[in-house]
Structure formats: structure tokens, C-alpha cells
PDB file of N, CA and C in Angstrom:
ATOM      1  N   MET A   1       0.031 -15.883  -9.298  1.00  0.00           N
ATOM      2  CA  MET A   1       0.289 -17.277  -9.478  1.00  0.00           C
ATOM      3  C   MET A   1       0.962 -17.799  -8.215  1.00  0.00           C
ATOM      4  N   ARG A   2       0.490 -18.891  -7.692  1.00  0.00           N
ATOM      5  CA  ARG A   2       1.022 -19.483  -6.469  1.00  0.00           C
ATOM      6  C   ARG A   2       2.335 -20.209  -6.745  1.00  0.00           C
ATOM      7  N   SER A   3       3.147 -20.353  -5.703  1.00  0.00           N
ATOM      8  CA  SER A   3       4.401 -21.075  -5.873  1.00  0.00           C
ATOM      9  C   SER A   3       4.094 -22.495  -6.312  1.00  0.00           C
ATOM     10  N   GLY A   4       4.970 -23.064  -7.105  1.00  0.00           N
ATOM     11  CA  GLY A   4       4.775 -24.398  -7.620  1.00  0.00           C
ATOM     12  C   GLY A   4       4.067 -24.421  -8.958  1.00  0.00           C
ATOM     13  N   GLN A   5       3.423 -23.333  -9.339  1.00  0.00           N
ATOM     14  CA  GLN A   5       2.763 -23.278 -10.629  1.00  0.00           C
ATOM     15  C   GLN A   5       3.784 -22.940 -11.707  1.00  0.00           C
ATOM     16  N   GLN A   6       3.540 -23.469 -12.876  1.00  0.00           N
ATOM     17  CA  GLN A   6       4.424 -23.193 -14.000  1.00  0.00           C
ATOM     18  C   GLN A   6       4.005 -21.894 -14.679  1.00  0.00           C
ATOM     19  N   PRO A   7       4.969 -21.127 -15.200  1.00  0.00           N
ATOM     20  CA  PRO A   7       4.606 -19.917 -15.935  1.00  0.00           C
ATOM     21  C   PRO A   7       3.838 -20.270 -17.203  1.00  0.00           C
ATOM     22  N   ARG A   8       2.922 -19.386 -17.605  1.00  0.00           N
ATOM     23  CA  ARG A   8       2.163 -19.580 -18.835  1.00  0.00           C
ATOM     24  C   ARG A   8       3.030 -19.200 -20.034  1.00  0.00           C
ATOM     25  N   THR A   9       2.761 -19.859 -21.142  1.00  0.00           N
ATOM     26  CA  THR A   9       3.448 -19.530 -22.383  1.00  0.00           C
ATOM     27  C   THR A   9       2.428 -18.936 -23.345  1.00  0.00           C
ATOM     28  N   THR A  10       2.754 -17.803 -23.942  1.00  0.00           N
ATOM     29  CA  THR A  10       1.893 -17.140 -24.906  1.00  0.00           C
ATOM     30  C   THR A  10       2.693 -16.925 -26.180  1.00  0.00           C
ATOM     31  N   ILE A  11       2.048 -17.129 -27.327  1.00  0.00           N
ATOM     32  CA  ILE A  11       2.708 -16.836 -28.600  1.00  0.00           C
ATOM     33  C   ILE A  11       2.087 -15.559 -29.144  1.00  0.00           C
ATOM     34  N   PHE A  12       2.921 -14.537 -29.358  1.00  0.00           N
ATOM     35  CA  PHE A  12       2.476 -13.227 -29.807  1.00  0.00           C
ATOM     36  C   PHE A  12       3.265 -12.875 -31.052  1.00  0.00           C
ATOM     37  N   PHE A  13       2.599 -12.810 -32.207  1.00  0.00           N
ATOM     38  CA  PHE A  13       3.244 -12.532 -33.492  1.00  0.00           C
ATOM     39  C   PHE A  13       4.450 -13.436 -33.709  1.00  0.00           C
ATOM     40  N   GLY A  14       4.279 -14.720 -33.407  1.00  0.00           N
ATOM     41  CA  GLY A  14       5.339 -15.687 -33.647  1.00  0.00           C
ATOM     42  C   GLY A  14       6.449 -15.680 -32.611  1.00  0.00           C
ATOM     43  N   ILE A  15       6.344 -14.825 -31.584  1.00  0.00           N
ATOM     44  CA  ILE A  15       7.359 -14.765 -30.536  1.00  0.00           C
ATOM     45  C   ILE A  15       6.797 -15.461 -29.301  1.00  0.00           C
ATOM     46  N   ILE A  16       7.570 -16.347 -28.722  1.00  0.00           N
ATOM     47  CA  ILE A  16       7.131 -17.030 -27.508  1.00  0.00           C
ATOM     48  C   ILE A  16       7.422 -16.131 -26.315  1.00  0.00           C
ATOM     49  N   ILE A  17       6.382 -15.861 -25.530  1.00  0.00           N
ATOM     50  CA  ILE A  17       6.507 -14.994 -24.361  1.00  0.00           C
ATOM     51  C   ILE A  17       6.172 -15.819 -23.126  1.00  0.00           C
ATOM     52  N   MET A  18       7.051 -15.818 -22.161  1.00  0.00           N
ATOM     53  CA  MET A  18       6.805 -16.496 -20.891  1.00  0.00           C
ATOM     54  C   MET A  18       6.295 -15.452 -19.908  1.00  0.00           C
ATOM     55  N   SER A  19       5.120 -15.684 -19.343  1.00  0.00           N
ATOM     56  CA  SER A  19       4.641 -14.746 -18.334  1.00  0.00           C
ATOM     57  C   SER A  19       5.260 -15.099 -16.989  1.00  0.00           C
ATOM     58  N   SER A  20       5.265 -14.153 -16.108  1.00  0.00           N
ATOM     59  CA  SER A  20       5.914 -14.295 -14.811  1.00  0.00           C
ATOM     60  C   SER A  20       5.237 -15.354 -13.954  1.00  0.00           C
ATOM     61  N   SER A  21       6.035 -16.074 -13.193  1.00  0.00           N
ATOM     62  CA  SER A  21       5.486 -17.031 -12.235  1.00  0.00           C
ATOM     63  C   SER A  21       5.379 -16.412 -10.850  1.00  0.00           C
ATOM     64  N   PHE A  22       5.560 -15.102 -10.758  1.00  0.00           N
ATOM     65  CA  PHE A  22       5.461 -14.399  -9.486  1.00  0.00           C
ATOM     66  C   PHE A  22       4.021 -13.969  -9.225  1.00  0.00           C
ATOM     67  N   SER A  23       3.691 -13.759  -7.951  1.00  0.00           N
ATOM     68  CA  SER A  23       2.377 -13.230  -7.580  1.00  0.00           C
ATOM     69  C   SER A  23       2.269 -11.781  -8.034  1.00  0.00           C
ATOM     70  N   GLN A  24       1.042 -11.353  -8.328  1.00  0.00           N
ATOM     71  CA  GLN A  24       0.809  -9.972  -8.744  1.00  0.00           C
ATOM     72  C   GLN A  24      -0.196  -9.315  -7.811  1.00  0.00           C
ATOM     73  N   GLY A  25      -0.072  -8.016  -7.628  1.00  0.00           N
ATOM     74  CA  GLY A  25      -0.981  -7.280  -6.760  1.00  0.00           C
ATOM     75  C   GLY A  25      -0.738  -5.792  -6.876  1.00  0.00           C
ATOM     76  N   MET A  26      -1.326  -5.055  -5.946  1.00  0.00           N
ATOM     77  CA  MET A  26      -1.151  -3.606  -5.869  1.00  0.00           C
ATOM     78  C   MET A  26      -0.563  -3.289  -4.506  1.00  0.00           C
ATOM     79  N   VAL A  27       0.555  -2.565  -4.483  1.00  0.00           N
ATOM     80  CA  VAL A  27       1.063  -2.093  -3.198  1.00  0.00           C
ATOM     81  C   VAL A  27       0.453  -0.716  -2.967  1.00  0.00           C
ATOM     82  N   VAL A  28      -0.204  -0.561  -1.840  1.00  0.00           N
ATOM     83  CA  VAL A  28      -0.776   0.726  -1.445  1.00  0.00           C
ATOM     84  C   VAL A  28       0.132   1.302  -0.373  1.00  0.00           C
ATOM     85  N   THR A  29       0.581   2.533  -0.591  1.00  0.00           N
ATOM     86  CA  THR A  29       1.429   3.240   0.367  1.00  0.00           C
ATOM     87  C   THR A  29       0.644   4.419   0.913  1.00  0.00           C
ATOM     88  N   ILE A  30       0.603   4.517   2.231  1.00  0.00           N
ATOM     89  CA  ILE A  30      -0.091   5.611   2.913  1.00  0.00           C
ATOM     90  C   ILE A  30       0.926   6.307   3.803  1.00  0.00           C
ATOM     91  N   ILE A  31       1.083   7.605   3.633  1.00  0.00           N
ATOM     92  CA  ILE A  31       1.940   8.398   4.517  1.00  0.00           C
ATOM     93  C   ILE A  31       1.016   9.387   5.208  1.00  0.00           C
ATOM     94  N   CYS A  32       0.983   9.316   6.530  1.00  0.00           N
ATOM     95  CA  CYS A  32       0.010  10.125   7.264  1.00  0.00           C
ATOM     96  C   CYS A  32       0.492  10.404   8.682  1.00  0.00           C
ATOM     97  N   GLU A  33      -0.301  11.188   9.383  1.00  0.00           N
ATOM     98  CA  GLU A  33      -0.011  11.488  10.777  1.00  0.00           C
ATOM     99  C   GLU A  33      -0.111  10.210  11.611  1.00  0.00           C
ATOM    100  N   ALA A  34       0.800  10.066  12.558  1.00  0.00           N
ATOM    101  CA  ALA A  34       0.838   8.868  13.397  1.00  0.00           C
ATOM    102  C   ALA A  34      -0.440   8.672  14.205  1.00  0.00           C
ATOM    103  N   VAL A  35      -1.167   9.743  14.479  1.00  0.00           N
ATOM    104  CA  VAL A  35      -2.406   9.613  15.257  1.00  0.00           C
ATOM    105  C   VAL A  35      -3.458   8.769  14.530  1.00  0.00           C
ATOM    106  N   LEU A  36      -3.288   8.552  13.236  1.00  0.00           N
ATOM    107  CA  LEU A  36      -4.238   7.746  12.470  1.00  0.00           C
ATOM    108  C   LEU A  36      -3.932   6.253  12.514  1.00  0.00           C
ATOM    109  N   GLN A  37      -2.851   5.864  13.137  1.00  0.00           N
ATOM    110  CA  GLN A  37      -2.403   4.469  13.067  1.00  0.00           C
ATOM    111  C   GLN A  37      -3.490   3.468  13.464  1.00  0.00           C
ATOM    112  N   GLU A  38      -4.099   3.628  14.604  1.00  0.00           N
ATOM    113  CA  GLU A  38      -5.114   2.667  15.058  1.00  0.00           C
ATOM    114  C   GLU A  38      -6.327   2.649  14.133  1.00  0.00           C
ATOM    115  N   ARG A  39      -6.731   3.805  13.639  1.00  0.00           N
ATOM    116  CA  ARG A  39      -7.871   3.856  12.710  1.00  0.00           C
ATOM    117  C   ARG A  39      -7.533   3.163  11.394  1.00  0.00           C
ATOM    118  N   LEU A  40      -6.291   3.324  10.932  1.00  0.00           N
ATOM    119  CA  LEU A  40      -5.884   2.651   9.696  1.00  0.00           C
ATOM    120  C   LEU A  40      -5.845   1.139   9.885  1.00  0.00           C
ATOM    121  N   ILE A  41      -5.346   0.692  11.025  1.00  0.00           N
ATOM    122  CA  ILE A  41      -5.315  -0.751  11.292  1.00  0.00           C
ATOM    123  C   ILE A  41      -6.736  -1.316  11.284  1.00  0.00           C
ATOM    124  N   LYS A  42      -7.677  -0.633  11.919  1.00  0.00           N
ATOM    125  CA  LYS A  42      -9.074  -1.080  11.923  1.00  0.00           C
ATOM    126  C   LYS A  42      -9.650  -1.101  10.514  1.00  0.00           C
ATOM    127  N   LEU A  43      -9.313  -0.100   9.708  1.00  0.00           N
ATOM    128  CA  LEU A  43      -9.777  -0.050   8.324  1.00  0.00           C
ATOM    129  C   LEU A  43      -9.222  -1.230   7.529  1.00  0.00           C
ATOM    130  N   LEU A  44      -7.935  -1.503   7.668  1.00  0.00           N
ATOM    131  CA  LEU A  44      -7.324  -2.637   6.967  1.00  0.00           C
ATOM    132  C   LEU A  44      -7.974  -3.948   7.399  1.00  0.00           C
ATOM    133  N   GLN A  45      -8.223  -4.105   8.684  1.00  0.00           N
ATOM    134  CA  GLN A  45      -8.878  -5.315   9.182  1.00  0.00           C
ATOM    135  C   GLN A  45     -10.293  -5.440   8.625  1.00  0.00           C
ATOM    136  N   ALA A  46     -11.020  -4.331   8.544  1.00  0.00           N
ATOM    137  CA  ALA A  46     -12.381  -4.347   8.005  1.00  0.00           C
ATOM    138  C   ALA A  46     -12.402  -4.768   6.537  1.00  0.00           C
ATOM    139  N   LEU A  47     -11.316  -4.495   5.824  1.00  0.00           N
ATOM    140  CA  LEU A  47     -11.204  -4.877   4.413  1.00  0.00           C
ATOM    141  C   LEU A  47     -10.567  -6.257   4.250  1.00  0.00           C
ATOM    142  N   ASN A  48     -10.359  -6.957   5.373  1.00  0.00           N
ATOM    143  CA  ASN A  48      -9.747  -8.297   5.377  1.00  0.00           C
ATOM    144  C   ASN A  48      -8.348  -8.318   4.785  1.00  0.00           C
ATOM    145  N   VAL A  49      -7.606  -7.243   4.993  1.00  0.00           N
ATOM    146  CA  VAL A  49      -6.209  -7.193   4.555  1.00  0.00           C
ATOM    147  C   VAL A  49      -5.408  -8.083   5.503  1.00  0.00           C
ATOM    148  N   SER A  50      -4.637  -9.001   4.944  1.00  0.00           N
ATOM    149  CA  SER A  50      -3.957  -9.997   5.775  1.00  0.00           C
ATOM    150  C   SER A  50      -2.618  -9.529   6.330  1.00  0.00           C
ATOM    151  N   GLY A  51      -2.044  -8.472   5.769  1.00  0.00           N
ATOM    152  CA  GLY A  51      -0.757  -8.017   6.275  1.00  0.00           C
ATOM    153  C   GLY A  51      -0.457  -6.589   5.876  1.00  0.00           C
ATOM    154  N   TYR A  52       0.391  -5.959   6.670  1.00  0.00           N
ATOM    155  CA  TYR A  52       0.796  -4.584   6.398  1.00  0.00           C
ATOM    156  C   TYR A  52       2.085  -4.319   7.147  1.00  0.00           C
ATOM    157  N   THR A  53       2.771  -3.258   6.761  1.00  0.00           N
ATOM    158  CA  THR A  53       3.986  -2.812   7.433  1.00  0.00           C
ATOM    159  C   THR A  53       3.806  -1.348   7.794  1.00  0.00           C
ATOM    160  N   ILE A  54       4.186  -0.989   9.018  1.00  0.00           N
ATOM    161  CA  ILE A  54       4.118   0.401   9.472  1.00  0.00           C
ATOM    162  C   ILE A  54       5.497   0.797   9.972  1.00  0.00           C
ATOM    163  N   ILE A  55       6.007   1.912   9.431  1.00  0.00           N
ATOM    164  CA  ILE A  55       7.307   2.425   9.865  1.00  0.00           C
ATOM    165  C   ILE A  55       7.203   3.928  10.114  1.00  0.00           C
ATOM    166  N   PRO A  56       8.052   4.474  10.994  1.00  0.00           N
ATOM    167  CA  PRO A  56       8.078   5.927  11.180  1.00  0.00           C
ATOM    168  C   PRO A  56       8.535   6.609   9.886  1.00  0.00           C
ATOM    169  N   ALA A  57       8.024   7.804   9.631  1.00  0.00           N
ATOM    170  CA  ALA A  57       8.402   8.543   8.421  1.00  0.00           C
ATOM    171  C   ALA A  57       8.706   9.993   8.775  1.00  0.00           C
ATOM    172  N   GLN A  58       9.703  10.552   8.094  1.00  0.00           N
ATOM    173  CA  GLN A  58      10.068  11.959   8.250  1.00  0.00           C
ATOM    174  C   GLN A  58      10.153  12.592   6.876  1.00  0.00           C
ATOM    175  N   GLY A  59       9.949  13.888   6.816  1.00  0.00           N
ATOM    176  CA  GLY A  59      10.086  14.580   5.546  1.00  0.00           C
ATOM    177  C   GLY A  59       9.359  15.909   5.549  1.00  0.00           C
ATOM    178  N   ALA A  60       9.207  16.454   4.359  1.00  0.00           N
ATOM    179  CA  ALA A  60       8.524  17.731   4.194  1.00  0.00           C
ATOM    180  C   ALA A  60       7.613  17.630   2.983  1.00  0.00           C
ATOM    181  N   GLY A  61       6.534  18.388   3.028  1.00  0.00           N
ATOM    182  CA  GLY A  61       5.586  18.389   1.926  1.00  0.00           C
ATOM    183  C   GLY A  61       4.627  19.542   2.070  1.00  0.00           C
ATOM    184  N   SER A  62       3.457  19.395   1.470  1.00  0.00           N
ATOM    185  CA  SER A  62       2.485  20.488   1.479  1.00  0.00           C
ATOM    186  C   SER A  62       1.962  20.805   2.878  1.00  0.00           C
ATOM    187  N   HIS A  63       2.135  19.893   3.810  1.00  0.00           N
ATOM    188  CA  HIS A  63       1.705  20.135   5.195  1.00  0.00           C
ATOM    189  C   HIS A  63       2.865  20.587   6.075  1.00  0.00           C
ATOM    190  N   GLY A  64       3.978  20.949   5.465  1.00  0.00           N
ATOM    191  CA  GLY A  64       5.146  21.408   6.221  1.00  0.00           C
ATOM    192  C   GLY A  64       6.081  20.266   6.570  1.00  0.00           C
ATOM    193  N   LYS A  65       7.065  20.568   7.410  1.00  0.00           N
ATOM    194  CA  LYS A  65       8.029  19.554   7.836  1.00  0.00           C
ATOM    195  C   LYS A  65       7.400  18.647   8.877  1.00  0.00           C
ATOM    196  N   ARG A  66       7.669  17.374   8.739  1.00  0.00           N
ATOM    197  CA  ARG A  66       7.223  16.367   9.702  1.00  0.00           C
ATOM    198  C   ARG A  66       8.459  15.566  10.084  1.00  0.00           C
ATOM    199  N   MET A  67       9.190  16.066  11.058  1.00  0.00           N
ATOM    200  CA  MET A  67      10.468  15.465  11.411  1.00  0.00           C
ATOM    201  C   MET A  67      10.388  14.557  12.633  1.00  0.00           C
ATOM    202  N   GLY A  68       9.236  14.498  13.276  1.00  0.00           N
ATOM    203  CA  GLY A  68       9.083  13.619  14.422  1.00  0.00           C
ATOM    204  C   GLY A  68      10.021  13.959  15.560  1.00  0.00           C
ATOM    205  N   ASP A  69      10.354  15.252  15.681  1.00  0.00           N
ATOM    206  CA  ASP A  69      11.347  15.672  16.664  1.00  0.00           C
ATOM    207  C   ASP A  69      10.816  15.667  18.092  1.00  0.00           C
ATOM    208  N   MET A  70       9.500  15.625  18.264  1.00  0.00           N
ATOM    209  CA  MET A  70       8.911  15.513  19.598  1.00  0.00           C
ATOM    210  C   MET A  70       7.986  14.301  19.592  1.00  0.00           C
ATOM    211  N   ALA A  71       8.225  13.370  20.484  1.00  0.00           N
ATOM    212  CA  ALA A  71       7.432  12.138  20.515  1.00  0.00           C
ATOM    213  C   ALA A  71       5.944  12.458  20.609  1.00  0.00           C
ATOM    214  N   GLY A  72       5.157  11.865  19.703  1.00  0.00           N
ATOM    215  CA  GLY A  72       3.718  12.060  19.719  1.00  0.00           C
ATOM    216  C   GLY A  72       3.244  13.350  19.080  1.00  0.00           C
ATOM    217  N   TYR A  73       4.154  14.196  18.626  1.00  0.00           N
ATOM    218  CA  TYR A  73       3.773  15.462  18.018  1.00  0.00           C
ATOM    219  C   TYR A  73       4.496  15.603  16.694  1.00  0.00           C
ATOM    220  N   ASN A  74       3.751  15.982  15.671  1.00  0.00           N
ATOM    221  CA  ASN A  74       4.365  16.253  14.377  1.00  0.00           C
ATOM    222  C   ASN A  74       5.084  15.020  13.821  1.00  0.00           C
ATOM    223  N   THR A  75       4.503  13.831  14.073  1.00  0.00           N
ATOM    224  CA  THR A  75       5.124  12.591  13.605  1.00  0.00           C
ATOM    225  C   THR A  75       4.257  11.949  12.529  1.00  0.00           C
ATOM    226  N   ASN A  76       4.911  11.314  11.590  1.00  0.00           N
ATOM    227  CA  ASN A  76       4.243  10.612  10.500  1.00  0.00           C
ATOM    228  C   ASN A  76       4.595   9.137  10.533  1.00  0.00           C
ATOM    229  N   ILE A  77       3.756   8.356   9.873  1.00  0.00           N
ATOM    230  CA  ILE A  77       4.039   6.947   9.645  1.00  0.00           C
ATOM    231  C   ILE A  77       3.854   6.652   8.167  1.00  0.00           C
ATOM    232  N   GLU A  78       4.468   5.578   7.731  1.00  0.00           N
ATOM    233  CA  GLU A  78       4.259   5.064   6.382  1.00  0.00           C
ATOM    234  C   GLU A  78       3.693   3.660   6.529  1.00  0.00           C
ATOM    235  N   VAL A  79       2.564   3.433   5.891  1.00  0.00           N
ATOM    236  CA  VAL A  79       1.891   2.141   5.934  1.00  0.00           C
ATOM    237  C   VAL A  79       1.932   1.566   4.525  1.00  0.00           C
ATOM    238  N   LYS A  80       2.356   0.306   4.412  1.00  0.00           N
ATOM    239  CA  LYS A  80       2.373  -0.368   3.110  1.00  0.00           C
ATOM    240  C   LYS A  80       1.635  -1.685   3.231  1.00  0.00           C
ATOM    241  N   THR A  81       0.867  -1.993   2.203  1.00  0.00           N
ATOM    242  CA  THR A  81       0.189  -3.278   2.129  1.00  0.00           C
ATOM    243  C   THR A  81       0.060  -3.683   0.666  1.00  0.00           C
ATOM    244  N   ILE A  82       0.052  -4.978   0.414  1.00  0.00           N
ATOM    245  CA  ILE A  82      -0.137  -5.491  -0.944  1.00  0.00           C
ATOM    246  C   ILE A  82      -1.493  -6.169  -0.985  1.00  0.00           C
ATOM    247  N   VAL A  83      -2.333  -5.703  -1.904  1.00  0.00           N
ATOM    248  CA  VAL A  83      -3.721  -6.165  -1.981  1.00  0.00           C
ATOM    249  C   VAL A  83      -4.123  -6.354  -3.442  1.00  0.00           C
ATOM    250  N   THR A  84      -5.340  -6.813  -3.647  1.00  0.00           N
ATOM    251  CA  THR A  84      -5.885  -6.930  -5.000  1.00  0.00           C
ATOM    252  C   THR A  84      -6.252  -5.539  -5.524  1.00  0.00           C
ATOM    253  N   PRO A  85      -6.402  -5.390  -6.831  1.00  0.00           N
ATOM    254  CA  PRO A  85      -6.841  -4.094  -7.369  1.00  0.00           C
ATOM    255  C   PRO A  85      -8.184  -3.646  -6.777  1.00  0.00           C
ATOM    256  N   GLU A  86      -9.092  -4.584  -6.544  1.00  0.00           N
ATOM    257  CA  GLU A  86     -10.406  -4.236  -5.999  1.00  0.00           C
ATOM    258  C   GLU A  86     -10.286  -3.696  -4.572  1.00  0.00           C
ATOM    259  N   ILE A  87      -9.473  -4.346  -3.755  1.00  0.00           N
ATOM    260  CA  ILE A  87      -9.280  -3.876  -2.375  1.00  0.00           C
ATOM    261  C   ILE A  87      -8.570  -2.524  -2.386  1.00  0.00           C
ATOM    262  N   SER A  88      -7.624  -2.323  -3.315  1.00  0.00           N
ATOM    263  CA  SER A  88      -6.937  -1.024  -3.377  1.00  0.00           C
ATOM    264  C   SER A  88      -7.931   0.091  -3.705  1.00  0.00           C
ATOM    265  N   ASP A  89      -8.904  -0.180  -4.580  1.00  0.00           N
ATOM    266  CA  ASP A  89      -9.949   0.808  -4.880  1.00  0.00           C
ATOM    267  C   ASP A  89     -10.730   1.164  -3.618  1.00  0.00           C
ATOM    268  N   GLN A  90     -11.154   0.144  -2.885  1.00  0.00           N
ATOM    269  CA  GLN A  90     -11.937   0.365  -1.667  1.00  0.00           C
ATOM    270  C   GLN A  90     -11.128   1.117  -0.615  1.00  0.00           C
ATOM    271  N   LEU A  91      -9.876   0.736  -0.455  1.00  0.00           N
ATOM    272  CA  LEU A  91      -9.021   1.368   0.550  1.00  0.00           C
ATOM    273  C   LEU A  91      -8.805   2.845   0.237  1.00  0.00           C
ATOM    274  N   LEU A  92      -8.450   3.154  -1.003  1.00  0.00           N
ATOM    275  CA  LEU A  92      -8.234   4.554  -1.372  1.00  0.00           C
ATOM    276  C   LEU A  92      -9.510   5.375  -1.202  1.00  0.00           C
ATOM    277  N   GLU A  93     -10.637   4.791  -1.550  1.00  0.00           N
ATOM    278  CA  GLU A  93     -11.915   5.498  -1.390  1.00  0.00           C
ATOM    279  C   GLU A  93     -12.183   5.804   0.086  1.00  0.00           C
ATOM    280  N   LYS A  94     -11.944   4.836   0.958  1.00  0.00           N
ATOM    281  CA  LYS A  94     -12.200   5.024   2.391  1.00  0.00           C
ATOM    282  C   LYS A  94     -11.200   5.981   3.038  1.00  0.00           C
ATOM    283  N   LEU A  95     -10.001   6.106   2.477  1.00  0.00           N
ATOM    284  CA  LEU A  95      -9.005   7.027   3.027  1.00  0.00           C
ATOM    285  C   LEU A  95      -9.397   8.488   2.826  1.00  0.00           C
ATOM    286  N   LYS A  96     -10.279   8.753   1.872  1.00  0.00           N
ATOM    287  CA  LYS A  96     -10.709  10.133   1.611  1.00  0.00           C
ATOM    288  C   LYS A  96     -11.306  10.793   2.849  1.00  0.00           C
ATOM    289  N   GLN A  97     -11.895   9.997   3.737  1.00  0.00           N
ATOM    290  CA  GLN A  97     -12.526  10.556   4.939  1.00  0.00           C
ATOM    291  C   GLN A  97     -11.526  11.261   5.852  1.00  0.00           C
ATOM    292  N   PHE A  98     -10.240  10.936   5.745  1.00  0.00           N
ATOM    293  CA  PHE A  98      -9.220  11.530   6.608  1.00  0.00           C
ATOM    294  C   PHE A  98      -8.547  12.752   5.990  1.00  0.00           C
ATOM    295  N   GLN A  99      -8.739  12.977   4.697  1.00  0.00           N
ATOM    296  CA  GLN A  99      -8.000  14.030   3.996  1.00  0.00           C
ATOM    297  C   GLN A  99      -8.235  15.428   4.531  1.00  0.00           C
ATOM    298  N   GLY A 100      -9.435  15.789   4.843  1.00  0.00           N
ATOM    299  CA  GLY A 100      -9.722  17.151   5.268  1.00  0.00           C
ATOM    300  C   GLY A 100      -9.198  17.499   6.646  1.00  0.00           C
ATOM    301  N   SER A 101      -9.065  16.500   7.501  1.00  0.00           N
ATOM    302  CA  SER A 101      -8.699  16.767   8.891  1.00  0.00           C
ATOM    303  C   SER A 101      -7.286  16.340   9.270  1.00  0.00           C
ATOM    304  N   HIS A 102      -6.595  15.606   8.402  1.00  0.00           N
ATOM    305  CA  HIS A 102      -5.254  15.107   8.715  1.00  0.00           C
ATOM    306  C   HIS A 102      -4.344  15.191   7.491  1.00  0.00           C
ATOM    307  N   ALA A 103      -3.051  15.304   7.765  1.00  0.00           N
ATOM    308  CA  ALA A 103      -2.066  15.223   6.680  1.00  0.00           C
ATOM    309  C   ALA A 103      -2.005  13.765   6.230  1.00  0.00           C
ATOM    310  N   LEU A 104      -2.273  13.519   4.948  1.00  0.00           N
ATOM    311  CA  LEU A 104      -2.308  12.153   4.432  1.00  0.00           C
ATOM    312  C   LEU A 104      -2.116  12.178   2.928  1.00  0.00           C
ATOM    313  N   ILE A 105      -1.250  11.317   2.445  1.00  0.00           N
ATOM    314  CA  ILE A 105      -1.188  11.031   1.011  1.00  0.00           C
ATOM    315  C   ILE A 105      -1.213   9.517   0.863  1.00  0.00           C
ATOM    316  N   ALA A 106      -1.762   9.062  -0.244  1.00  0.00           N
ATOM    317  CA  ALA A 106      -1.821   7.629  -0.508  1.00  0.00           C
ATOM    318  C   ALA A 106      -1.690   7.415  -2.005  1.00  0.00           C
ATOM    319  N   PHE A 107      -1.020   6.338  -2.364  1.00  0.00           N
ATOM    320  CA  PHE A 107      -0.883   5.996  -3.775  1.00  0.00           C
ATOM    321  C   PHE A 107      -0.716   4.495  -3.905  1.00  0.00           C
ATOM    322  N   ARG A 108      -0.888   4.000  -5.134  1.00  0.00           N
ATOM    323  CA  ARG A 108      -0.751   2.566  -5.379  1.00  0.00           C
ATOM    324  C   ARG A 108       0.069   2.324  -6.630  1.00  0.00           C
ATOM    325  N   GLN A 109       0.673   1.150  -6.651  1.00  0.00           N
ATOM    326  CA  GLN A 109       1.495   0.748  -7.788  1.00  0.00           C
ATOM    327  C   GLN A 109       1.299  -0.743  -8.024  1.00  0.00           C
ATOM    328  N   LYS A 110       1.319  -1.140  -9.281  1.00  0.00           N
ATOM    329  CA  LYS A 110       1.279  -2.566  -9.603  1.00  0.00           C
ATOM    330  C   LYS A 110       2.620  -3.181  -9.232  1.00  0.00           C
ATOM    331  N   VAL A 111       2.565  -4.364  -8.621  1.00  0.00           N
ATOM    332  CA  VAL A 111       3.790  -5.058  -8.229  1.00  0.00           C
ATOM    333  C   VAL A 111       3.663  -6.542  -8.534  1.00  0.00           C
ATOM    334  N   GLU A 112       4.799  -7.184  -8.659  1.00  0.00           N
ATOM    335  CA  GLU A 112       4.838  -8.640  -8.701  1.00  0.00           C
ATOM    336  C   GLU A 112       6.044  -9.089  -7.901  1.00  0.00           C
ATOM    337  N   GLY A 113       5.919 -10.215  -7.259  1.00  0.00           N
ATOM    338  CA  GLY A 113       7.013 -10.679  -6.421  1.00  0.00           C
ATOM    339  C   GLY A 113       6.648 -11.938  -5.671  1.00  0.00           C
ATOM    340  N   LEU A 114       7.319 -12.138  -4.567  1.00  0.00           N
ATOM    341  CA  LEU A 114       7.136 -13.330  -3.747  1.00  0.00           C
ATOM    342  C   LEU A 114       6.243 -12.994  -2.563  1.00  0.00           C
ATOM    343  N   PHE A 115       4.950 -13.114  -2.751  1.00  0.00           N
ATOM    344  CA  PHE A 115       3.969 -12.861  -1.696  1.00  0.00           C
ATOM    345  C   PHE A 115       2.703 -13.635  -2.020  1.00  0.00           C
ATOM    346  N   ASP A 116       1.846 -13.813  -1.019  1.00  0.00           N
ATOM    347  CA  ASP A 116       0.564 -14.524  -1.213  1.00  0.00           C
ATOM    348  C   ASP A 116      -0.553 -13.539  -1.396  1.00  0.00           C
TER     349      ASP A 116
END
């Protein structure tokens, strides 16, 4: 729902329920090797994703420790974007191409908040 719109009112078993006036979407989080950054940006652009955030990431997992202790080596990034459910399906499907050759995990969650 865009700003300026009024929340919808629903009556459910005699109880008045106000639905949220916030925007809804799916946040997709990708944690992967930093060498994938440019390819991920191109993928997001190809899907007409209007915005994303990329930050350095450190940690440990099934691919071992990724502490980013040497610039350009053993470094991870975290990419976040908020998209429609349909775009999240397409994005996750296209990310499969990187799984066999790079450390990568991706997941999505339903969100609502102040975004377009």
C-alpha cells in the first residue's frame, strides 16, 4: 500500500481488523563470496530490481571460516533487496547457477515497512 492510502478494514467473525498501511514485499538476503558482487549486480539489474544493499560479511559455516582477513581473499558480502514474491522466485532460481562453484546461501522473508 502506498503512502497516503488508508488502511483497509475487514470484519472477521464480528471483530474489526485493520490491515497494515505499510508496504509489503519479500526481503531476499544473499551471503556469498565477494567475487560474485558484479555478477549479482548485473543479475539484479536484469530483473529490474530498483535497489539493494551490499555490506562486507564475516563468519563461519559449511564452507569454513570467512573472516576477510586478507583483502580480496576469503571475503564474503551480504546482499539484501526487497522485491515482489514473483521476483524473489526468479532471483532464487537464478542464484542456483552459482551454488556449485561458489560459497553462497540465499533466503527470503516476508516483510512490511516503509519502502516502495
